[in-house]
N, C-alpha and C. Protein backbone atom coordinates (compact mmCIF):
# COMPACT_ATOMS: atom_id res chain seq x y z
N MET A 1 0.81 -1.20 0.01
CA MET A 1 -0.03 0.05 -0.02
C MET A 1 0.86 1.31 -0.06
N GLY A 2 1.95 1.31 0.71
CA GLY A 2 2.85 2.42 0.82
C GLY A 2 4.20 2.09 0.27
N LEU A 3 4.99 3.10 0.18
CA LEU A 3 6.42 2.89 -0.15
C LEU A 3 7.25 2.31 0.94
N ALA A 4 8.05 1.37 0.57
CA ALA A 4 8.99 0.88 1.53
C ALA A 4 9.97 1.93 1.84
N PRO A 5 10.67 1.99 2.98
CA PRO A 5 11.62 3.00 3.32
C PRO A 5 12.73 3.06 2.22
N SER A 6 13.13 1.89 1.71
CA SER A 6 14.16 1.90 0.64
C SER A 6 13.71 2.49 -0.63
N GLU A 7 12.44 2.64 -0.89
CA GLU A 7 11.95 3.11 -2.19
C GLU A 7 11.71 4.64 -2.06
N MET A 8 11.73 5.27 -0.88
CA MET A 8 11.44 6.68 -0.81
C MET A 8 12.74 7.38 -1.12
N THR A 9 12.59 8.46 -1.83
CA THR A 9 13.80 9.24 -2.24
C THR A 9 13.54 10.65 -1.76
N LEU A 10 14.61 11.34 -1.34
CA LEU A 10 14.56 12.68 -0.95
C LEU A 10 15.35 13.49 -1.96
N SER A 11 14.91 14.75 -2.03
CA SER A 11 15.66 15.67 -2.95
C SER A 11 17.17 15.66 -2.60
N GLU A 12 17.98 15.80 -3.60
CA GLU A 12 19.35 15.87 -3.24
C GLU A 12 19.82 17.28 -2.86
N LYS A 13 18.95 18.18 -3.06
CA LYS A 13 19.23 19.64 -2.67
C LYS A 13 19.04 19.71 -1.17
N PRO A 14 19.90 20.44 -0.46
CA PRO A 14 19.68 20.65 0.90
C PRO A 14 18.46 21.52 1.21
N LEU A 15 17.81 21.29 2.29
CA LEU A 15 16.64 22.12 2.69
C LEU A 15 17.18 23.28 3.43
N HIS A 16 16.52 24.42 3.28
CA HIS A 16 16.95 25.69 3.92
C HIS A 16 15.68 26.13 4.77
N ARG A 17 16.04 26.65 5.90
CA ARG A 17 14.97 27.19 6.75
C ARG A 17 14.48 28.46 6.24
N ILE A 18 13.19 28.68 6.06
CA ILE A 18 12.57 29.93 5.68
C ILE A 18 12.23 30.70 6.91
N SER A 19 12.76 31.93 6.96
CA SER A 19 12.48 32.71 8.12
C SER A 19 11.50 33.81 7.70
N GLY A 20 10.81 34.36 8.54
CA GLY A 20 9.92 35.48 8.32
C GLY A 20 8.52 35.13 8.73
N PRO A 21 7.66 36.15 8.73
CA PRO A 21 6.25 36.05 9.14
C PRO A 21 5.41 35.08 8.33
N ASN A 22 5.72 35.02 7.04
CA ASN A 22 4.87 34.20 6.15
C ASN A 22 5.57 32.87 5.85
N ALA A 23 6.51 32.48 6.59
CA ALA A 23 7.21 31.19 6.42
C ALA A 23 6.48 30.05 6.89
N GLY A 24 6.60 29.01 6.20
CA GLY A 24 5.87 27.77 6.65
C GLY A 24 6.83 26.64 6.98
N GLY A 25 8.15 26.87 7.08
CA GLY A 25 8.99 25.83 7.47
C GLY A 25 10.23 25.72 6.56
N PHE A 26 10.40 24.55 5.93
CA PHE A 26 11.62 24.33 5.10
C PHE A 26 11.21 24.23 3.64
N SER A 27 12.19 24.67 2.84
CA SER A 27 11.95 24.69 1.39
C SER A 27 13.30 24.43 0.74
N GLU A 28 13.17 23.90 -0.53
CA GLU A 28 14.32 23.72 -1.35
C GLU A 28 14.79 25.05 -1.86
N PRO A 29 16.05 25.23 -2.06
CA PRO A 29 16.47 26.59 -2.60
C PRO A 29 16.00 26.73 -4.05
N SER A 30 15.70 27.97 -4.54
CA SER A 30 15.32 28.20 -5.88
C SER A 30 16.51 28.18 -6.78
N ASP A 31 16.24 27.70 -7.94
CA ASP A 31 17.30 27.74 -8.93
C ASP A 31 17.26 29.05 -9.83
N GLY A 32 16.16 29.67 -9.78
CA GLY A 32 15.98 30.80 -10.67
C GLY A 32 16.60 32.10 -10.23
N GLY A 33 16.93 32.22 -8.96
CA GLY A 33 17.48 33.47 -8.51
C GLY A 33 16.44 34.58 -8.35
N ASN A 34 15.26 34.28 -8.03
CA ASN A 34 14.19 35.24 -7.90
C ASN A 34 14.21 36.02 -6.68
N ASP A 35 14.98 35.61 -5.71
CA ASP A 35 14.92 36.20 -4.37
C ASP A 35 15.82 37.48 -4.32
N LEU A 36 15.15 38.65 -4.62
CA LEU A 36 15.96 39.86 -4.72
C LEU A 36 16.42 40.29 -3.33
N MET A 37 15.82 39.83 -2.27
CA MET A 37 16.23 40.27 -1.01
C MET A 37 17.54 39.66 -0.57
N ASP A 38 17.84 38.48 -0.97
CA ASP A 38 19.03 37.81 -0.39
C ASP A 38 20.22 37.92 -1.30
N GLN A 39 20.05 38.27 -2.53
CA GLN A 39 21.24 38.35 -3.37
C GLN A 39 21.18 39.65 -4.16
N GLU A 40 22.32 40.29 -4.22
CA GLU A 40 22.44 41.55 -4.90
C GLU A 40 23.35 41.43 -6.01
N THR A 41 22.81 41.73 -7.26
CA THR A 41 23.59 41.73 -8.48
C THR A 41 23.94 42.99 -8.93
N GLU A 42 24.67 43.10 -10.09
CA GLU A 42 25.00 44.42 -10.63
C GLU A 42 23.78 45.22 -11.00
N SER A 43 22.68 44.57 -11.50
CA SER A 43 21.53 45.26 -11.99
C SER A 43 20.46 45.51 -10.87
N SER A 44 20.74 45.11 -9.70
CA SER A 44 19.77 45.26 -8.64
C SER A 44 20.35 46.17 -7.57
N HIS A 45 19.37 46.91 -6.99
CA HIS A 45 19.82 47.88 -5.88
C HIS A 45 18.89 47.51 -4.69
N VAL A 46 19.58 47.53 -3.44
CA VAL A 46 18.96 47.25 -2.27
C VAL A 46 19.21 48.38 -1.26
N PHE A 47 18.09 48.83 -0.67
CA PHE A 47 18.21 49.76 0.45
C PHE A 47 17.61 49.15 1.71
N GLN A 48 18.27 49.26 2.81
CA GLN A 48 17.72 48.82 4.09
C GLN A 48 17.96 49.88 5.13
N ALA A 49 16.95 50.20 5.80
CA ALA A 49 17.04 51.23 6.82
C ALA A 49 17.91 50.74 7.96
N PRO A 50 18.65 51.56 8.59
CA PRO A 50 19.57 51.14 9.66
C PRO A 50 18.80 50.37 10.79
N ALA A 51 19.25 49.35 11.32
CA ALA A 51 18.66 48.50 12.34
C ALA A 51 18.30 49.39 13.56
N ALA A 52 19.32 50.23 13.93
CA ALA A 52 19.10 51.09 15.11
C ALA A 52 17.88 51.93 14.91
N TYR A 53 17.65 52.54 13.77
CA TYR A 53 16.55 53.34 13.48
C TYR A 53 15.22 52.61 13.60
N VAL A 54 15.11 51.43 13.04
CA VAL A 54 13.92 50.63 13.13
C VAL A 54 13.68 50.17 14.52
N ILE A 55 14.70 49.72 15.22
CA ILE A 55 14.60 49.30 16.59
C ILE A 55 14.01 50.40 17.49
N LEU A 56 14.70 51.61 17.28
CA LEU A 56 14.25 52.76 18.05
C LEU A 56 12.84 53.05 17.85
N PHE A 57 12.28 53.00 16.61
CA PHE A 57 10.88 53.21 16.38
C PHE A 57 9.94 52.31 17.12
N TYR A 58 10.33 50.98 17.03
CA TYR A 58 9.50 49.97 17.76
C TYR A 58 9.68 49.99 19.25
N LEU A 59 10.76 50.40 19.71
CA LEU A 59 10.91 50.66 21.19
C LEU A 59 10.02 51.77 21.71
N LEU A 60 9.97 52.84 20.87
CA LEU A 60 9.11 54.01 21.28
C LEU A 60 7.60 53.60 21.18
N LEU A 61 7.34 52.80 20.17
CA LEU A 61 5.95 52.32 20.13
C LEU A 61 5.61 51.40 21.29
N LEU A 62 6.50 50.54 21.72
CA LEU A 62 6.32 49.70 22.86
C LEU A 62 6.29 50.53 24.16
N ALA A 63 7.09 51.53 24.33
CA ALA A 63 7.00 52.37 25.48
C ALA A 63 5.66 53.08 25.51
N TRP A 64 5.19 53.62 24.42
CA TRP A 64 3.87 54.29 24.30
C TRP A 64 2.72 53.27 24.75
N THR A 65 2.83 52.09 24.23
CA THR A 65 1.85 51.07 24.63
C THR A 65 1.88 50.70 26.11
N VAL A 66 3.04 50.34 26.63
CA VAL A 66 3.16 50.01 28.05
C VAL A 66 2.92 51.17 28.90
N GLY A 67 3.15 52.39 28.49
CA GLY A 67 2.85 53.56 29.32
C GLY A 67 1.44 53.94 29.36
N THR A 68 0.66 53.67 28.26
CA THR A 68 -0.66 54.20 28.27
C THR A 68 -1.73 53.21 28.58
N VAL A 69 -1.45 51.85 28.34
CA VAL A 69 -2.44 50.83 28.65
C VAL A 69 -2.78 50.76 30.15
N PRO A 70 -1.85 50.83 31.03
CA PRO A 70 -2.32 50.95 32.52
C PRO A 70 -3.08 52.11 32.86
N LEU A 71 -2.77 53.29 32.26
CA LEU A 71 -3.59 54.49 32.42
C LEU A 71 -5.00 54.36 32.05
N VAL A 72 -5.19 53.74 30.80
CA VAL A 72 -6.56 53.53 30.29
C VAL A 72 -7.29 52.52 31.13
N TYR A 73 -6.57 51.51 31.67
CA TYR A 73 -7.16 50.46 32.47
C TYR A 73 -7.62 51.15 33.80
N LEU A 74 -6.79 51.87 34.45
CA LEU A 74 -7.15 52.58 35.71
C LEU A 74 -8.35 53.52 35.47
N LYS A 75 -8.35 54.22 34.41
CA LYS A 75 -9.45 55.10 34.08
C LYS A 75 -10.84 54.29 33.94
N PHE A 76 -10.63 53.13 33.32
CA PHE A 76 -11.82 52.33 33.10
C PHE A 76 -12.25 51.79 34.47
N ARG A 77 -11.36 51.38 35.26
CA ARG A 77 -11.72 50.76 36.65
C ARG A 77 -12.33 51.71 37.52
N GLN A 78 -11.95 53.03 37.41
CA GLN A 78 -12.48 54.09 38.25
C GLN A 78 -13.82 54.59 37.74
N GLY A 79 -14.36 54.07 36.61
CA GLY A 79 -15.58 54.51 36.12
C GLY A 79 -15.44 55.66 35.19
N GLY A 80 -14.30 55.93 34.62
CA GLY A 80 -14.15 57.09 33.74
C GLY A 80 -14.87 56.93 32.43
N PHE A 81 -15.09 55.62 32.03
CA PHE A 81 -15.79 55.41 30.73
C PHE A 81 -17.21 54.84 31.11
N LEU A 82 -17.62 55.15 32.27
CA LEU A 82 -19.04 54.82 32.71
C LEU A 82 -19.25 53.26 32.72
N GLY A 83 -18.25 52.47 32.88
CA GLY A 83 -18.30 51.03 32.86
C GLY A 83 -18.80 50.41 31.65
N ASP A 84 -18.77 51.11 30.57
CA ASP A 84 -19.15 50.60 29.23
C ASP A 84 -18.10 49.82 28.53
N TRP A 85 -18.39 48.57 28.28
CA TRP A 85 -17.36 47.67 27.66
C TRP A 85 -17.16 48.07 26.29
N LEU A 86 -18.09 48.79 25.67
CA LEU A 86 -17.84 49.19 24.18
C LEU A 86 -16.66 50.08 24.16
N TYR A 87 -16.42 50.96 25.12
CA TYR A 87 -15.21 51.82 25.07
C TYR A 87 -14.01 50.99 25.16
N ALA A 88 -13.94 49.98 26.06
CA ALA A 88 -12.83 49.08 26.22
C ALA A 88 -12.49 48.40 24.90
N VAL A 89 -13.58 47.87 24.21
CA VAL A 89 -13.37 47.18 22.95
C VAL A 89 -12.80 48.19 21.86
N MET A 90 -13.30 49.36 21.87
CA MET A 90 -12.78 50.36 20.88
C MET A 90 -11.36 50.78 21.10
N ILE A 91 -11.01 50.85 22.40
CA ILE A 91 -9.61 51.25 22.73
C ILE A 91 -8.64 50.13 22.44
N GLY A 92 -9.10 48.84 22.79
CA GLY A 92 -8.34 47.69 22.49
C GLY A 92 -8.13 47.48 21.01
N PHE A 93 -9.20 47.75 20.14
CA PHE A 93 -9.05 47.70 18.72
C PHE A 93 -8.02 48.68 18.28
N PHE A 94 -8.01 49.84 18.84
CA PHE A 94 -7.06 50.92 18.44
C PHE A 94 -5.68 50.49 18.65
N TYR A 95 -5.36 49.89 19.79
CA TYR A 95 -4.04 49.34 20.10
C TYR A 95 -3.69 48.26 19.18
N LEU A 96 -4.57 47.35 18.88
CA LEU A 96 -4.25 46.19 18.07
C LEU A 96 -3.94 46.67 16.59
N TYR A 97 -4.86 47.58 16.11
CA TYR A 97 -4.63 48.13 14.73
C TYR A 97 -3.44 48.97 14.64
N THR A 98 -3.01 49.67 15.60
CA THR A 98 -1.81 50.46 15.57
C THR A 98 -0.55 49.52 15.44
N TRP A 99 -0.56 48.47 16.21
CA TRP A 99 0.52 47.47 16.16
C TRP A 99 0.46 46.75 14.78
N PHE A 100 -0.66 46.30 14.36
CA PHE A 100 -0.81 45.64 13.05
C PHE A 100 -0.22 46.55 11.88
N TRP A 101 -0.65 47.75 11.90
CA TRP A 101 -0.19 48.72 10.86
C TRP A 101 1.31 48.93 11.01
N SER A 102 1.89 49.11 12.22
CA SER A 102 3.26 49.43 12.42
C SER A 102 4.12 48.22 11.99
N LEU A 103 3.68 46.99 12.25
CA LEU A 103 4.49 45.90 11.78
C LEU A 103 4.49 45.77 10.24
N GLY A 104 3.61 46.47 9.52
CA GLY A 104 3.67 46.43 8.09
C GLY A 104 4.49 47.49 7.47
N LEU A 105 5.23 48.31 8.27
CA LEU A 105 6.09 49.38 7.73
C LEU A 105 7.32 48.68 7.11
N PHE A 106 7.59 49.09 5.89
CA PHE A 106 8.80 48.36 5.21
C PHE A 106 10.08 49.04 5.66
N TYR A 107 11.04 48.12 5.87
CA TYR A 107 12.34 48.50 6.27
C TYR A 107 13.40 48.27 5.15
N ARG A 108 13.04 47.56 4.19
CA ARG A 108 13.97 47.15 3.07
C ARG A 108 13.22 47.19 1.78
N ILE A 109 13.95 47.62 0.72
CA ILE A 109 13.34 47.61 -0.55
C ILE A 109 14.59 47.21 -1.51
N ALA A 110 14.14 46.39 -2.52
CA ALA A 110 15.06 45.96 -3.52
C ALA A 110 14.46 46.06 -4.91
N MET A 111 15.24 46.47 -5.82
CA MET A 111 14.76 46.53 -7.21
C MET A 111 15.79 46.04 -8.15
N ASP A 112 15.30 45.15 -9.09
CA ASP A 112 16.18 44.57 -10.17
C ASP A 112 16.15 45.36 -11.39
N GLY A 113 16.87 44.96 -12.41
CA GLY A 113 16.99 45.70 -13.59
C GLY A 113 15.71 45.56 -14.48
N GLU A 114 14.89 44.70 -14.20
CA GLU A 114 13.60 44.46 -14.91
C GLU A 114 12.46 45.34 -14.31
N GLY A 115 12.69 45.97 -13.23
CA GLY A 115 11.69 46.78 -12.61
C GLY A 115 10.80 46.11 -11.52
N ARG A 116 11.25 44.86 -11.13
CA ARG A 116 10.54 44.17 -10.05
C ARG A 116 11.09 44.80 -8.72
N ILE A 117 10.03 45.06 -7.84
CA ILE A 117 10.37 45.65 -6.58
C ILE A 117 9.95 44.73 -5.49
N VAL A 118 10.77 44.49 -4.48
CA VAL A 118 10.36 43.74 -3.30
C VAL A 118 10.49 44.49 -2.10
N LEU A 119 9.40 44.73 -1.38
CA LEU A 119 9.40 45.51 -0.11
C LEU A 119 9.31 44.49 1.07
N ARG A 120 10.09 44.68 2.09
CA ARG A 120 10.09 43.71 3.18
C ARG A 120 9.72 44.48 4.50
N SER A 121 8.79 43.87 5.19
CA SER A 121 8.46 44.40 6.52
C SER A 121 8.49 43.32 7.57
N LEU A 122 8.22 43.53 8.81
CA LEU A 122 8.25 42.51 9.85
C LEU A 122 7.08 41.56 9.59
N ARG A 123 6.01 42.06 9.04
CA ARG A 123 4.80 41.26 8.85
C ARG A 123 4.72 40.55 7.54
N ARG A 124 5.27 41.13 6.47
CA ARG A 124 5.13 40.51 5.16
C ARG A 124 6.16 40.96 4.19
N ASN A 125 6.18 40.31 3.03
CA ASN A 125 6.96 40.76 1.86
C ASN A 125 5.98 41.09 0.80
N LEU A 126 6.22 42.25 0.08
CA LEU A 126 5.32 42.65 -0.99
C LEU A 126 6.16 42.74 -2.34
N GLU A 127 5.65 42.09 -3.37
CA GLU A 127 6.39 42.14 -4.62
C GLU A 127 5.53 42.88 -5.64
N VAL A 128 6.04 43.90 -6.21
CA VAL A 128 5.32 44.63 -7.17
C VAL A 128 6.25 45.05 -8.33
N THR A 129 5.73 45.60 -9.40
CA THR A 129 6.54 46.14 -10.47
C THR A 129 6.63 47.60 -10.43
N ALA A 130 7.63 48.25 -11.04
CA ALA A 130 7.69 49.73 -11.11
C ALA A 130 6.46 50.33 -11.70
N LYS A 131 5.85 49.60 -12.62
CA LYS A 131 4.67 50.16 -13.30
C LYS A 131 3.44 50.25 -12.39
N GLN A 132 3.45 49.53 -11.24
CA GLN A 132 2.34 49.56 -10.34
C GLN A 132 2.43 50.71 -9.34
N VAL A 133 3.58 51.37 -9.22
CA VAL A 133 3.73 52.48 -8.33
C VAL A 133 3.17 53.72 -9.00
N ARG A 134 2.18 54.38 -8.34
CA ARG A 134 1.50 55.46 -8.92
C ARG A 134 2.13 56.78 -8.38
N THR A 135 2.44 56.86 -7.06
CA THR A 135 2.90 58.10 -6.41
C THR A 135 4.00 57.71 -5.44
N ILE A 136 5.09 58.52 -5.39
CA ILE A 136 6.03 58.48 -4.38
C ILE A 136 6.12 59.77 -3.56
N GLU A 137 5.89 59.71 -2.30
CA GLU A 137 5.83 60.94 -1.50
C GLU A 137 7.05 60.88 -0.44
N GLY A 138 7.92 61.83 -0.54
CA GLY A 138 9.06 61.94 0.41
C GLY A 138 8.56 62.27 1.79
N SER A 139 9.48 62.25 2.79
CA SER A 139 9.17 62.53 4.11
C SER A 139 8.79 64.03 4.29
N ARG A 140 7.98 64.30 5.20
CA ARG A 140 7.57 65.71 5.53
C ARG A 140 8.66 66.40 6.42
N PHE A 141 9.51 65.63 7.01
CA PHE A 141 10.45 66.24 7.86
C PHE A 141 11.74 66.56 7.09
N PRO A 142 12.55 67.59 7.63
CA PRO A 142 13.72 68.02 6.89
C PRO A 142 14.76 66.84 6.75
N ALA A 143 15.55 66.89 5.75
CA ALA A 143 16.62 65.99 5.49
C ALA A 143 16.12 64.54 5.23
N GLY A 144 14.83 64.40 4.88
CA GLY A 144 14.31 63.08 4.53
C GLY A 144 14.25 62.09 5.65
N PHE A 145 14.15 62.54 6.90
CA PHE A 145 13.98 61.65 8.03
C PHE A 145 12.52 61.25 8.13
N GLY A 146 12.20 60.05 8.31
CA GLY A 146 10.84 59.62 8.55
C GLY A 146 10.48 58.43 7.72
N PHE A 147 9.52 58.65 6.80
CA PHE A 147 8.97 57.60 5.89
C PHE A 147 8.79 58.16 4.50
N ILE A 148 8.91 57.19 3.58
CA ILE A 148 8.56 57.42 2.18
C ILE A 148 7.28 56.70 1.91
N LYS A 149 6.30 57.34 1.41
CA LYS A 149 5.05 56.73 1.11
C LYS A 149 4.95 56.37 -0.43
N MET A 150 4.64 55.14 -0.70
CA MET A 150 4.52 54.65 -2.02
C MET A 150 3.12 54.19 -2.27
N LYS A 151 2.38 54.88 -3.11
CA LYS A 151 0.98 54.53 -3.44
C LYS A 151 1.06 53.58 -4.54
N LEU A 152 0.37 52.38 -4.32
CA LEU A 152 0.31 51.39 -5.34
C LEU A 152 -1.08 51.31 -5.88
N SER A 153 -1.47 50.39 -6.67
CA SER A 153 -2.78 50.32 -7.23
C SER A 153 -3.83 50.00 -6.23
N ARG A 154 -3.51 49.14 -5.30
CA ARG A 154 -4.57 48.76 -4.27
C ARG A 154 -4.25 49.18 -2.79
N GLU A 155 -3.09 49.69 -2.57
CA GLU A 155 -2.70 50.06 -1.24
C GLU A 155 -1.56 51.04 -1.24
N SER A 156 -1.21 51.47 -0.01
CA SER A 156 -0.03 52.35 0.15
C SER A 156 0.94 51.64 1.07
N GLY A 157 2.29 51.85 0.80
CA GLY A 157 3.27 51.28 1.65
C GLY A 157 4.21 52.35 2.16
N TYR A 158 4.68 52.14 3.38
CA TYR A 158 5.51 53.22 3.97
C TYR A 158 6.89 52.59 4.22
N LEU A 159 7.91 53.25 3.75
CA LEU A 159 9.22 52.74 3.84
C LEU A 159 10.00 53.66 4.87
N PHE A 160 10.68 53.07 5.84
CA PHE A 160 11.58 53.86 6.75
C PHE A 160 12.71 54.51 5.92
N CYS A 161 12.93 55.78 6.14
CA CYS A 161 14.11 56.42 5.50
C CYS A 161 14.73 57.25 6.59
N HIS A 162 16.01 57.54 6.35
CA HIS A 162 16.72 58.42 7.37
C HIS A 162 17.55 59.47 6.70
N GLY A 163 17.29 59.94 5.55
CA GLY A 163 18.02 60.98 4.97
C GLY A 163 18.51 60.63 3.57
N LYS A 164 19.39 61.30 3.08
CA LYS A 164 19.93 60.96 1.72
C LYS A 164 20.75 59.70 1.71
N ASN A 165 20.42 58.87 0.84
CA ASN A 165 21.18 57.61 0.67
C ASN A 165 21.22 57.31 -0.77
N ARG A 166 22.42 56.95 -1.27
CA ARG A 166 22.70 56.71 -2.66
C ARG A 166 21.80 55.56 -3.19
N GLU A 167 21.79 54.47 -2.52
CA GLU A 167 21.03 53.30 -3.00
C GLU A 167 19.57 53.57 -3.08
N LEU A 168 19.00 54.32 -2.10
CA LEU A 168 17.65 54.58 -2.11
C LEU A 168 17.29 55.55 -3.27
N GLU A 169 18.14 56.54 -3.53
CA GLU A 169 18.00 57.42 -4.60
C GLU A 169 18.05 56.73 -6.04
N GLU A 170 18.98 55.68 -6.08
CA GLU A 170 19.08 54.99 -7.34
C GLU A 170 17.76 54.17 -7.53
N ILE A 171 17.21 53.57 -6.53
CA ILE A 171 15.97 52.86 -6.62
C ILE A 171 14.84 53.78 -7.07
N LEU A 172 14.70 54.93 -6.40
CA LEU A 172 13.72 55.86 -6.78
C LEU A 172 13.83 56.34 -8.27
N LEU A 173 15.06 56.58 -8.59
CA LEU A 173 15.38 56.97 -10.01
C LEU A 173 14.97 55.82 -10.99
N GLY A 174 15.30 54.64 -10.63
CA GLY A 174 14.88 53.51 -11.49
C GLY A 174 13.41 53.32 -11.55
N ILE A 175 12.64 53.58 -10.53
CA ILE A 175 11.22 53.59 -10.63
C ILE A 175 10.72 54.57 -11.58
N ARG A 176 11.31 55.82 -11.48
CA ARG A 176 10.91 56.88 -12.47
C ARG A 176 11.22 56.60 -13.87
N LYS A 177 12.46 55.94 -14.13
CA LYS A 177 12.68 55.51 -15.45
C LYS A 177 11.82 54.47 -16.10
N MET A 178 11.45 53.50 -15.20
CA MET A 178 10.60 52.37 -15.70
C MET A 178 9.07 52.85 -15.77
N ASN A 179 8.75 53.91 -14.97
CA ASN A 179 7.36 54.33 -14.95
C ASN A 179 7.32 55.82 -14.98
N PRO A 180 7.37 56.45 -16.20
CA PRO A 180 7.51 57.88 -16.31
C PRO A 180 6.20 58.66 -15.79
N LEU A 181 5.11 57.85 -15.58
CA LEU A 181 3.89 58.46 -15.12
C LEU A 181 3.77 58.64 -13.64
N VAL A 182 4.76 58.09 -12.88
CA VAL A 182 4.78 58.13 -11.53
C VAL A 182 4.84 59.63 -10.97
N ARG A 183 4.01 60.00 -10.08
CA ARG A 183 3.99 61.33 -9.43
C ARG A 183 5.00 61.25 -8.27
N THR A 184 5.92 62.21 -8.18
CA THR A 184 6.78 62.36 -7.07
C THR A 184 6.48 63.62 -6.30
N ILE A 185 6.50 63.58 -5.00
CA ILE A 185 6.25 64.75 -4.16
C ILE A 185 7.35 64.74 -3.05
N ARG A 186 8.02 65.84 -2.98
CA ARG A 186 9.06 66.00 -1.93
C ARG A 186 10.19 65.05 -2.11
N ILE A 187 10.55 64.65 -3.29
CA ILE A 187 11.69 63.66 -3.59
C ILE A 187 12.79 64.50 -4.19
């Protein structure tokens, strides 16, 4: 009914652990070289926000959460919200949505010579083409500190940025070359 142990064959390729939020375990390595994030060639450009910058952002968010949740809880316990659980549910939803959205902020972008763009966040990886980018908005803060907003056909993505960076400028220039209709604001 089944295969005998001597009849079972395994792939001769070594299995590699897939890391990340969407990972399901182990996988065989790809032969096609599609993974823009892990390999950098002459025609690809990769920008990654400094780890200290990203860690500082999430530490501030954690401090805000830890600092305000007890205050909201005490206010609720003292009858500040008139004991209505609807307020507690709304405030809890606010905290969860804030964290969900924040974990989707992109800290790394890669673009190859064909115009494929891969954005990486703690929550997911997003693969798009340069033609799908409709608008690029630079940071509102001086010297490019903050986030770059990229409007796509169905959503917007925010990329950590920390000022002028040659690799990031080359990626943005590459997007403009591949998609001359892209609108740029504060770039």
